[in-house]
PDB file of N, CA and C in Angstrom:
ATOM      1  N   MET A   1       2.805 -83.113   9.462  1.00  0.00           N
ATOM      2  CA  MET A   1       2.368 -81.815   9.898  1.00  0.00           C
ATOM      3  C   MET A   1       2.237 -81.842  11.411  1.00  0.00           C
ATOM      4  N   LYS A   2       2.768 -80.813  12.061  1.00  0.00           N
ATOM      5  CA  LYS A   2       2.704 -80.721  13.515  1.00  0.00           C
ATOM      6  C   LYS A   2       2.144 -79.367  13.921  1.00  0.00           C
ATOM      7  N   VAL A   3       1.324 -79.382  14.960  1.00  0.00           N
ATOM      8  CA  VAL A   3       0.779 -78.155  15.533  1.00  0.00           C
ATOM      9  C   VAL A   3       1.329 -78.052  16.946  1.00  0.00           C
ATOM     10  N   ASN A   4       2.092 -77.003  17.202  1.00  0.00           N
ATOM     11  CA  ASN A   4       2.740 -76.787  18.503  1.00  0.00           C
ATOM     12  C   ASN A   4       3.587 -77.982  18.926  1.00  0.00           C
ATOM     13  N   GLY A   5       4.258 -78.615  17.971  1.00  0.00           N
ATOM     14  CA  GLY A   5       5.183 -79.702  18.264  1.00  0.00           C
ATOM     15  C   GLY A   5       4.569 -81.081  18.369  1.00  0.00           C
ATOM     16  N   THR A   6       3.252 -81.216  18.274  1.00  0.00           N
ATOM     17  CA  THR A   6       2.616 -82.528  18.339  1.00  0.00           C
ATOM     18  C   THR A   6       1.992 -82.848  16.985  1.00  0.00           C
ATOM     19  N   PRO A   7       2.011 -84.116  16.578  1.00  0.00           N
ATOM     20  CA  PRO A   7       1.403 -84.474  15.287  1.00  0.00           C
ATOM     21  C   PRO A   7      -0.070 -84.080  15.246  1.00  0.00           C
ATOM     22  N   ALA A   8      -0.490 -83.520  14.119  1.00  0.00           N
ATOM     23  CA  ALA A   8      -1.858 -83.021  13.980  1.00  0.00           C
ATOM     24  C   ALA A   8      -2.770 -84.082  13.398  1.00  0.00           C
ATOM     25  N   LYS A   9      -4.018 -84.058  13.840  1.00  0.00           N
ATOM     26  CA  LYS A   9      -5.048 -84.934  13.287  1.00  0.00           C
ATOM     27  C   LYS A   9      -5.845 -84.137  12.261  1.00  0.00           C
ATOM     28  N   PRO A  10      -6.583 -84.808  11.368  1.00  0.00           N
ATOM     29  CA  PRO A  10      -7.263 -84.096  10.279  1.00  0.00           C
ATOM     30  C   PRO A  10      -8.204 -82.973  10.710  1.00  0.00           C
ATOM     31  N   ALA A  11      -8.951 -83.132  11.778  1.00  0.00           N
ATOM     32  CA  ALA A  11      -9.937 -82.115  12.153  1.00  0.00           C
ATOM     33  C   ALA A  11      -9.501 -81.320  13.383  1.00  0.00           C
ATOM     34  N   GLN A  12      -8.201 -81.234  13.619  1.00  0.00           N
ATOM     35  CA  GLN A  12      -7.715 -80.529  14.807  1.00  0.00           C
ATOM     36  C   GLN A  12      -7.947 -79.028  14.676  1.00  0.00           C
ATOM     37  N   HIS A  13      -8.445 -78.425  15.751  1.00  0.00           N
ATOM     38  CA  HIS A  13      -8.691 -76.986  15.763  1.00  0.00           C
ATOM     39  C   HIS A  13      -7.387 -76.251  16.061  1.00  0.00           C
ATOM     40  N   VAL A  14      -7.241 -75.075  15.480  1.00  0.00           N
ATOM     41  CA  VAL A  14      -6.083 -74.234  15.759  1.00  0.00           C
ATOM     42  C   VAL A  14      -6.570 -72.912  16.338  1.00  0.00           C
ATOM     43  N   ALA A  15      -5.692 -72.267  17.083  1.00  0.00           N
ATOM     44  CA  ALA A  15      -6.024 -70.985  17.705  1.00  0.00           C
ATOM     45  C   ALA A  15      -4.975 -69.957  17.294  1.00  0.00           C
ATOM     46  N   ILE A  16      -5.263 -68.717  17.568  1.00  0.00           N
ATOM     47  CA  ILE A  16      -4.320 -67.643  17.253  1.00  0.00           C
ATOM     48  C   ILE A  16      -3.036 -67.873  18.048  1.00  0.00           C
ATOM     49  N   GLY A  17      -1.904 -67.788  17.362  1.00  0.00           N
ATOM     50  CA  GLY A  17      -0.605 -67.978  17.997  1.00  0.00           C
ATOM     51  C   GLY A  17      -0.055 -69.382  17.876  1.00  0.00           C
ATOM     52  N   ASP A  18      -0.837 -70.342  17.379  1.00  0.00           N
ATOM     53  CA  ASP A  18      -0.351 -71.709  17.202  1.00  0.00           C
ATOM     54  C   ASP A  18       0.714 -71.749  16.112  1.00  0.00           C
ATOM     55  N   GLU A  19       1.735 -72.590  16.324  1.00  0.00           N
ATOM     56  CA  GLU A  19       2.802 -72.768  15.339  1.00  0.00           C
ATOM     57  C   GLU A  19       2.545 -74.063  14.575  1.00  0.00           C
ATOM     58  N   ILE A  20       2.539 -73.973  13.254  1.00  0.00           N
ATOM     59  CA  ILE A  20       2.299 -75.136  12.400  1.00  0.00           C
ATOM     60  C   ILE A  20       3.567 -75.407  11.605  1.00  0.00           C
ATOM     61  N   ARG A  21       4.069 -76.652  11.693  1.00  0.00           N
ATOM     62  CA  ARG A  21       5.254 -77.066  10.933  1.00  0.00           C
ATOM     63  C   ARG A  21       4.823 -78.110   9.916  1.00  0.00           C
ATOM     64  N   LEU A  22       5.194 -77.882   8.662  1.00  0.00           N
ATOM     65  CA  LEU A  22       4.857 -78.833   7.616  1.00  0.00           C
ATOM     66  C   LEU A  22       5.961 -78.874   6.584  1.00  0.00           C
ATOM     67  N   ARG A  23       5.947 -79.911   5.766  1.00  0.00           N
ATOM     68  CA  ARG A  23       6.948 -80.093   4.722  1.00  0.00           C
ATOM     69  C   ARG A  23       6.246 -79.987   3.380  1.00  0.00           C
ATOM     70  N   VAL A  24       6.653 -78.990   2.582  1.00  0.00           N
ATOM     71  CA  VAL A  24       6.041 -78.742   1.282  1.00  0.00           C
ATOM     72  C   VAL A  24       7.150 -78.679   0.240  1.00  0.00           C
ATOM     73  N   GLY A  25       7.056 -79.507  -0.773  1.00  0.00           N
ATOM     74  CA  GLY A  25       8.040 -79.462  -1.851  1.00  0.00           C
ATOM     75  C   GLY A  25       9.454 -79.769  -1.393  1.00  0.00           C
ATOM     76  N   GLY A  26       9.609 -80.659  -0.408  1.00  0.00           N
ATOM     77  CA  GLY A  26      10.931 -81.000   0.085  1.00  0.00           C
ATOM     78  C   GLY A  26      11.552 -79.936   0.978  1.00  0.00           C
ATOM     79  N   ARG A  27      10.770 -78.996   1.437  1.00  0.00           N
ATOM     80  CA  ARG A  27      11.262 -77.892   2.256  1.00  0.00           C
ATOM     81  C   ARG A  27      10.384 -77.740   3.490  1.00  0.00           C
ATOM     82  N   ASP A  28      10.999 -77.529   4.645  1.00  0.00           N
ATOM     83  CA  ASP A  28      10.243 -77.339   5.881  1.00  0.00           C
ATOM     84  C   ASP A  28       9.675 -75.926   5.925  1.00  0.00           C
ATOM     85  N   ARG A  29       8.406 -75.832   6.284  1.00  0.00           N
ATOM     86  CA  ARG A  29       7.741 -74.524   6.420  1.00  0.00           C
ATOM     87  C   ARG A  29       7.254 -74.398   7.853  1.00  0.00           C
ATOM     88  N   ILE A  30       7.394 -73.213   8.404  1.00  0.00           N
ATOM     89  CA  ILE A  30       6.910 -72.907   9.751  1.00  0.00           C
ATOM     90  C   ILE A  30       6.020 -71.681   9.624  1.00  0.00           C
ATOM     91  N   VAL A  31       4.753 -71.829  10.012  1.00  0.00           N
ATOM     92  CA  VAL A  31       3.819 -70.711   9.951  1.00  0.00           C
ATOM     93  C   VAL A  31       3.144 -70.545  11.309  1.00  0.00           C
ATOM     94  N   GLU A  32       2.754 -69.314  11.602  1.00  0.00           N
ATOM     95  CA  GLU A  32       2.043 -69.008  12.838  1.00  0.00           C
ATOM     96  C   GLU A  32       0.659 -68.493  12.474  1.00  0.00           C
ATOM     97  N   VAL A  33      -0.345 -68.941  13.216  1.00  0.00           N
ATOM     98  CA  VAL A  33      -1.723 -68.531  12.954  1.00  0.00           C
ATOM     99  C   VAL A  33      -1.914 -67.118  13.500  1.00  0.00           C
ATOM    100  N   ALA A  34      -2.265 -66.186  12.607  1.00  0.00           N
ATOM    101  CA  ALA A  34      -2.485 -64.795  13.011  1.00  0.00           C
ATOM    102  C   ALA A  34      -3.966 -64.507  13.216  1.00  0.00           C
ATOM    103  N   ARG A  35      -4.814 -65.218  12.475  1.00  0.00           N
ATOM    104  CA  ARG A  35      -6.257 -64.989  12.547  1.00  0.00           C
ATOM    105  C   ARG A  35      -6.957 -66.285  12.170  1.00  0.00           C
ATOM    106  N   VAL A  36      -8.040 -66.594  12.836  1.00  0.00           N
ATOM    107  CA  VAL A  36      -8.828 -67.786  12.537  1.00  0.00           C
ATOM    108  C   VAL A  36     -10.084 -67.344  11.799  1.00  0.00           C
ATOM    109  N   VAL A  37     -10.396 -68.031  10.695  1.00  0.00           N
ATOM    110  CA  VAL A  37     -11.602 -67.709   9.924  1.00  0.00           C
ATOM    111  C   VAL A  37     -12.637 -68.806  10.151  1.00  0.00           C
ATOM    112  N   ALA A  38     -13.908 -68.440  10.093  1.00  0.00           N
ATOM    113  CA  ALA A  38     -14.991 -69.385  10.374  1.00  0.00           C
ATOM    114  C   ALA A  38     -15.347 -70.231   9.159  1.00  0.00           C
ATOM    115  N   LYS A  39     -15.235 -69.660   7.961  1.00  0.00           N
ATOM    116  CA  LYS A  39     -15.632 -70.372   6.745  1.00  0.00           C
ATOM    117  C   LYS A  39     -14.437 -70.546   5.827  1.00  0.00           C
ATOM    118  N   ARG A  40     -14.637 -71.345   4.790  1.00  0.00           N
ATOM    119  CA  ARG A  40     -13.599 -71.514   3.770  1.00  0.00           C
ATOM    120  C   ARG A  40     -13.434 -70.200   3.012  1.00  0.00           C
ATOM    121  N   VAL A  41     -12.185 -69.842   2.750  1.00  0.00           N
ATOM    122  CA  VAL A  41     -11.899 -68.593   2.044  1.00  0.00           C
ATOM    123  C   VAL A  41     -10.901 -68.870   0.922  1.00  0.00           C
ATOM    124  N   GLY A  42     -10.706 -67.889   0.086  1.00  0.00           N
ATOM    125  CA  GLY A  42      -9.771 -68.010  -1.023  1.00  0.00           C
ATOM    126  C   GLY A  42      -8.322 -67.957  -0.553  1.00  0.00           C
ATOM    127  N   PRO A  43      -7.384 -68.288  -1.451  1.00  0.00           N
ATOM    128  CA  PRO A  43      -5.973 -68.319  -1.062  1.00  0.00           C
ATOM    129  C   PRO A  43      -5.415 -66.958  -0.648  1.00  0.00           C
ATOM    130  N   ALA A  44      -5.897 -65.883  -1.240  1.00  0.00           N
ATOM    131  CA  ALA A  44      -5.392 -64.557  -0.873  1.00  0.00           C
ATOM    132  C   ALA A  44      -5.753 -64.217   0.570  1.00  0.00           C
ATOM    133  N   VAL A  45      -6.983 -64.504   0.966  1.00  0.00           N
ATOM    134  CA  VAL A  45      -7.423 -64.226   2.340  1.00  0.00           C
ATOM    135  C   VAL A  45      -6.739 -65.188   3.310  1.00  0.00           C
ATOM    136  N   ALA A  46      -6.582 -66.449   2.911  1.00  0.00           N
ATOM    137  CA  ALA A  46      -5.931 -67.431   3.776  1.00  0.00           C
ATOM    138  C   ALA A  46      -4.475 -67.046   4.040  1.00  0.00           C
ATOM    139  N   ALA A  47      -3.790 -66.501   3.036  1.00  0.00           N
ATOM    140  CA  ALA A  47      -2.399 -66.083   3.214  1.00  0.00           C
ATOM    141  C   ALA A  47      -2.284 -64.942   4.214  1.00  0.00           C
ATOM    142  N   GLU A  48      -3.302 -64.101   4.304  1.00  0.00           N
ATOM    143  CA  GLU A  48      -3.291 -63.002   5.266  1.00  0.00           C
ATOM    144  C   GLU A  48      -3.465 -63.497   6.700  1.00  0.00           C
ATOM    145  N   CYS A  49      -3.973 -64.699   6.870  1.00  0.00           N
ATOM    146  CA  CYS A  49      -4.235 -65.246   8.202  1.00  0.00           C
ATOM    147  C   CYS A  49      -3.021 -65.960   8.792  1.00  0.00           C
ATOM    148  N   LEU A  50      -1.936 -66.066   8.037  1.00  0.00           N
ATOM    149  CA  LEU A  50      -0.742 -66.773   8.491  1.00  0.00           C
ATOM    150  C   LEU A  50       0.462 -65.850   8.463  1.00  0.00           C
ATOM    151  N   ILE A  51       1.401 -66.092   9.391  1.00  0.00           N
ATOM    152  CA  ILE A  51       2.682 -65.393   9.402  1.00  0.00           C
ATOM    153  C   ILE A  51       3.746 -66.441   9.101  1.00  0.00           C
ATOM    154  N   ASP A  52       4.477 -66.262   8.006  1.00  0.00           N
ATOM    155  CA  ASP A  52       5.485 -67.238   7.582  1.00  0.00           C
ATOM    156  C   ASP A  52       6.783 -67.005   8.347  1.00  0.00           C
ATOM    157  N   ARG A  53       7.204 -67.991   9.134  1.00  0.00           N
ATOM    158  CA  ARG A  53       8.441 -67.912   9.910  1.00  0.00           C
ATOM    159  C   ARG A  53       9.456 -68.945   9.414  1.00  0.00           C
ATOM    160  N   SER A  54       9.319 -69.390   8.171  1.00  0.00           N
ATOM    161  CA  SER A  54      10.196 -70.407   7.596  1.00  0.00           C
ATOM    162  C   SER A  54      11.589 -69.842   7.354  1.00  0.00           C
ATOM    163  N   PRO A  55      12.626 -70.697   7.511  1.00  0.00           N
ATOM    164  CA  PRO A  55      13.968 -70.244   7.151  1.00  0.00           C
ATOM    165  C   PRO A  55      14.057 -70.074   5.638  1.00  0.00           C
ATOM    166  N   PRO A  56      14.943 -69.213   5.162  1.00  0.00           N
ATOM    167  CA  PRO A  56      15.049 -69.017   3.710  1.00  0.00           C
ATOM    168  C   PRO A  56      15.524 -70.294   3.029  1.00  0.00           C
ATOM    169  N   PRO A  57      15.102 -70.527   1.788  1.00  0.00           N
ATOM    170  CA  PRO A  57      15.537 -71.743   1.093  1.00  0.00           C
ATOM    171  C   PRO A  57      17.029 -71.686   0.799  1.00  0.00           C
ATOM    172  N   PRO A  58      17.692 -72.854   0.717  1.00  0.00           N
ATOM    173  CA  PRO A  58      19.120 -72.856   0.416  1.00  0.00           C
ATOM    174  C   PRO A  58      19.366 -72.366  -1.009  1.00  0.00           C
ATOM    175  N   PRO A  59      20.535 -71.775  -1.268  1.00  0.00           N
ATOM    176  CA  PRO A  59      20.837 -71.329  -2.629  1.00  0.00           C
ATOM    177  C   PRO A  59      20.862 -72.499  -3.608  1.00  0.00           C
ATOM    178  N   LYS A  60      20.568 -72.225  -4.861  1.00  0.00           N
ATOM    179  CA  LYS A  60      20.501 -73.277  -5.881  1.00  0.00           C
ATOM    180  C   LYS A  60      21.841 -73.982  -6.061  1.00  0.00           C
ATOM    181  N   GLU A  61      22.971 -73.271  -5.880  1.00  0.00           N
ATOM    182  CA  GLU A  61      24.278 -73.879  -6.087  1.00  0.00           C
ATOM    183  C   GLU A  61      24.588 -74.923  -5.026  1.00  0.00           C
ATOM    184  N   VAL A  62      24.073 -74.729  -3.807  1.00  0.00           N
ATOM    185  CA  VAL A  62      24.372 -75.633  -2.707  1.00  0.00           C
ATOM    186  C   VAL A  62      23.627 -76.950  -2.862  1.00  0.00           C
ATOM    187  N   VAL A  63      22.445 -76.911  -3.407  1.00  0.00           N
ATOM    188  CA  VAL A  63      21.636 -78.111  -3.557  1.00  0.00           C
ATOM    189  C   VAL A  63      22.203 -78.938  -4.704  1.00  0.00           C
ATOM    190  N   ALA A  64      22.750 -80.111  -4.369  1.00  0.00           N
ATOM    191  CA  ALA A  64      23.330 -80.985  -5.390  1.00  0.00           C
ATOM    192  C   ALA A  64      22.240 -81.876  -5.964  1.00  0.00           C
ATOM    193  N   ALA A  65      22.190 -81.948  -7.258  1.00  0.00           N
ATOM    194  CA  ALA A  65      21.189 -82.784  -7.921  1.00  0.00           C
ATOM    195  C   ALA A  65      21.663 -84.233  -7.924  1.00  0.00           C
ATOM    196  N   LEU A  66      20.809 -85.125  -7.466  1.00  0.00           N
ATOM    197  CA  LEU A  66      21.131 -86.546  -7.494  1.00  0.00           C
ATOM    198  C   LEU A  66      20.899 -87.086  -8.892  1.00  0.00           C
ATOM    199  N   PRO A  67      21.725 -88.028  -9.316  1.00  0.00           N
ATOM    200  CA  PRO A  67      21.493 -88.604 -10.643  1.00  0.00           C
ATOM    201  C   PRO A  67      20.178 -89.383 -10.654  1.00  0.00           C
ATOM    202  N   LEU A  68      19.338 -89.109 -11.620  1.00  0.00           N
ATOM    203  CA  LEU A  68      18.033 -89.754 -11.706  1.00  0.00           C
ATOM    204  C   LEU A  68      17.999 -90.705 -12.891  1.00  0.00           C
ATOM    205  N   ARG A  69      17.360 -91.820 -12.697  1.00  0.00           N
ATOM    206  CA  ARG A  69      17.183 -92.778 -13.787  1.00  0.00           C
ATOM    207  C   ARG A  69      15.922 -92.417 -14.554  1.00  0.00           C
ATOM    208  N   ASP A  70      15.906 -92.793 -15.817  1.00  0.00           N
ATOM    209  CA  ASP A  70      14.707 -92.592 -16.613  1.00  0.00           C
ATOM    210  C   ASP A  70      13.588 -93.448 -16.049  1.00  0.00           C
ATOM    211  N   ARG A  71      12.400 -92.896 -16.030  1.00  0.00           N
ATOM    212  CA  ARG A  71      11.255 -93.624 -15.500  1.00  0.00           C
ATOM    213  C   ARG A  71      11.011 -94.863 -16.354  1.00  0.00           C
ATOM    214  N   GLY A  72      10.867 -95.992 -15.695  1.00  0.00           N
ATOM    215  CA  GLY A  72      10.605 -97.235 -16.407  1.00  0.00           C
ATOM    216  C   GLY A  72      11.861 -97.915 -16.909  1.00  0.00           C
ATOM    217  N   ALA A  73      13.037 -97.447 -16.489  1.00  0.00           N
ATOM    218  CA  ALA A  73      14.284 -98.050 -16.963  1.00  0.00           C
ATOM    219  C   ALA A  73      14.582 -99.351 -16.230  1.00  0.00           C
ATOM    220  N   GLY A  74      13.839 -99.662 -15.192  1.00  0.00           N
ATOM    221  CA  GLY A  74      14.037-100.919 -14.477  1.00  0.00           C
ATOM    222  C   GLY A  74      15.136-100.822 -13.436  1.00  0.00           C
ATOM    223  N   ARG A  75      15.521-101.973 -12.943  1.00  0.00           N
ATOM    224  CA  ARG A  75      16.531-102.046 -11.904  1.00  0.00           C
ATOM    225  C   ARG A  75      17.907-101.720 -12.488  1.00  0.00           C
ATOM    226  N   PRO A  76      18.748-100.980 -11.728  1.00  0.00           N
ATOM    227  CA  PRO A  76      20.078-100.676 -12.252  1.00  0.00           C
ATOM    228  C   PRO A  76      20.941-101.930 -12.333  1.00  0.00           C
ATOM    229  N   THR A  77      21.832-101.942 -13.306  1.00  0.00           N
ATOM    230  CA  THR A  77      22.744-103.075 -13.448  1.00  0.00           C
ATOM    231  C   THR A  77      23.795-102.996 -12.350  1.00  0.00           C
ATOM    232  N   LYS A  78      24.559-104.073 -12.201  1.00  0.00           N
ATOM    233  CA  LYS A  78      25.594-104.103 -11.179  1.00  0.00           C
ATOM    234  C   LYS A  78      26.634-103.005 -11.434  1.00  0.00           C
ATOM    235  N   ARG A  79      26.957-102.786 -12.678  1.00  0.00           N
ATOM    236  CA  ARG A  79      27.923-101.743 -13.027  1.00  0.00           C
ATOM    237  C   ARG A  79      27.380-100.358 -12.650  1.00  0.00           C
ATOM    238  N   GLU A  80      26.099-100.106 -12.935  1.00  0.00           N
ATOM    239  CA  GLU A  80      25.498 -98.820 -12.587  1.00  0.00           C
ATOM    240  C   GLU A  80      25.449 -98.627 -11.069  1.00  0.00           C
ATOM    241  N   ARG A  81      25.167 -99.701 -10.328  1.00  0.00           N
ATOM    242  CA  ARG A  81      25.154 -99.607  -8.866  1.00  0.00           C
ATOM    243  C   ARG A  81      26.548 -99.283  -8.333  1.00  0.00           C
ATOM    244  N   ARG A  82      27.578 -99.915  -8.886  1.00  0.00           N
ATOM    245  CA  ARG A  82      28.953 -99.625  -8.458  1.00  0.00           C
ATOM    246  C   ARG A  82      29.325 -98.179  -8.765  1.00  0.00           C
ATOM    247  N   ASP A  83      28.940 -97.701  -9.951  1.00  0.00           N
ATOM    248  CA  ASP A  83      29.219 -96.307 -10.307  1.00  0.00           C
ATOM    249  C   ASP A  83      28.518 -95.346  -9.342  1.00  0.00           C
ATOM    250  N   THR A  84      27.277 -95.657  -8.990  1.00  0.00           N
ATOM    251  CA  THR A  84      26.530 -94.820  -8.053  1.00  0.00           C
ATOM    252  C   THR A  84      27.186 -94.838  -6.676  1.00  0.00           C
ATOM    253  N   ASP A  85      27.628 -96.024  -6.227  1.00  0.00           N
ATOM    254  CA  ASP A  85      28.305 -96.119  -4.933  1.00  0.00           C
ATOM    255  C   ASP A  85      29.599 -95.310  -4.926  1.00  0.00           C
ATOM    256  N   ARG A  86      30.358 -95.370  -6.024  1.00  0.00           N
ATOM    257  CA  ARG A  86      31.590 -94.585  -6.113  1.00  0.00           C
ATOM    258  C   ARG A  86      31.287 -93.087  -6.070  1.00  0.00           C
ATOM    259  N   LEU A  87      30.227 -92.692  -6.749  1.00  0.00           N
ATOM    260  CA  LEU A  87      29.842 -91.284  -6.782  1.00  0.00           C
ATOM    261  C   LEU A  87      29.443 -90.783  -5.394  1.00  0.00           C
ATOM    262  N   ARG A  88      28.754 -91.606  -4.644  1.00  0.00           N
ATOM    263  CA  ARG A  88      28.308 -91.224  -3.298  1.00  0.00           C
ATOM    264  C   ARG A  88      29.389 -91.434  -2.238  1.00  0.00           C
ATOM    265  N   GLY A  89      30.494 -92.065  -2.606  1.00  0.00           N
ATOM    266  CA  GLY A  89      31.600 -92.250  -1.668  1.00  0.00           C
ATOM    267  C   GLY A  89      31.406 -93.400  -0.709  1.00  0.00           C
ATOM    268  N   ARG A  90      30.753 -94.444  -1.145  1.00  0.00           N
ATOM    269  CA  ARG A  90      30.516 -95.603  -0.264  1.00  0.00           C
ATOM    270  C   ARG A  90      31.539 -96.679  -0.493  1.00  0.00           C
TER     271      ARG A  90
END
């Protein structure tokens, strides 16, 4: 997470107009602080305090799904590694 291009610390204060860049769910988000609140508030009020300037997410067709192994299947065999390398073009 970065505030105005510098890495943020846990208790860093933000001001109106600050740009916050963060990565959520594998996607970069860019938000601008529109209003600062003094106390903790609910998500609906918090959303009103930010302006979302994030680029639109890529279309689902463009995002290629990587082959995933079953959890707990262990290390891939040499044959599986070769197949994966061929698939990735290495």
